[in-house]
Amino acid sequence: MKTQKRIGALLLMTLMTLQACSTYKGATTTSRSLQPISPEEAYRLGKLKNTPYLIDGRLYVPMSFDQVYAYEETGLASWYGQETLDQHNGQPTAYGEVFDPGLPSAAHKYLPLPMIVKVTNLENKASIIVRVNDRGPFINGRVIDLSAEAARQLGFYGKGTARVKIESVYR
């Protein structure tokens, strides 16, 4: 037990040190009228957010920008629930951008932020390009959380979840 606590404390200290050394400068946009920074520009400017983070005692280590080129994943997608429409509209995402459920966006546990991916609903073959600018979903078995608008465009808003394929647009 003492060893686990020491390892946990060491991981937390390492994470805090990495966060303190981060070059992230904060939000890149605060309005729908402003264009958000592209992933390429974020990478070039050192504003790509891919530092490890801790959620409910679990350490998540996002992939590097270089790893994104070969990224492809299939799994269960969900959309930010009603609480998002009621409470999170206008709140900052993990990348610091203002969340708008009326715009297509996504949350992912391991992709660097921001990132652009293609999401295809495997049930109806509908596809959409989304900006990943948030973290989640933190529910076992789910690979991506989409905004309400993205879920509508993919045709699973009413159902709540769908099997999807996520692909890098940087291939």
Foldseek 3Di string as FASTA:
>chain_A
DVVVVVVLVVVVVVLVVVVVPQPADAAQDQDPVDDGDAPVVCVVVSNWAQGWDADPSDIFGADDPVVQLFDKDKFKEFADDPCCVVPQQQPAAPSRYGDHLQDKAKAFRHHIPFAWKWKAFPVPRQIDIHTHHHHDDPDPGHGMYIRLNNCVSNPCNVVGMGIIMIHHPND
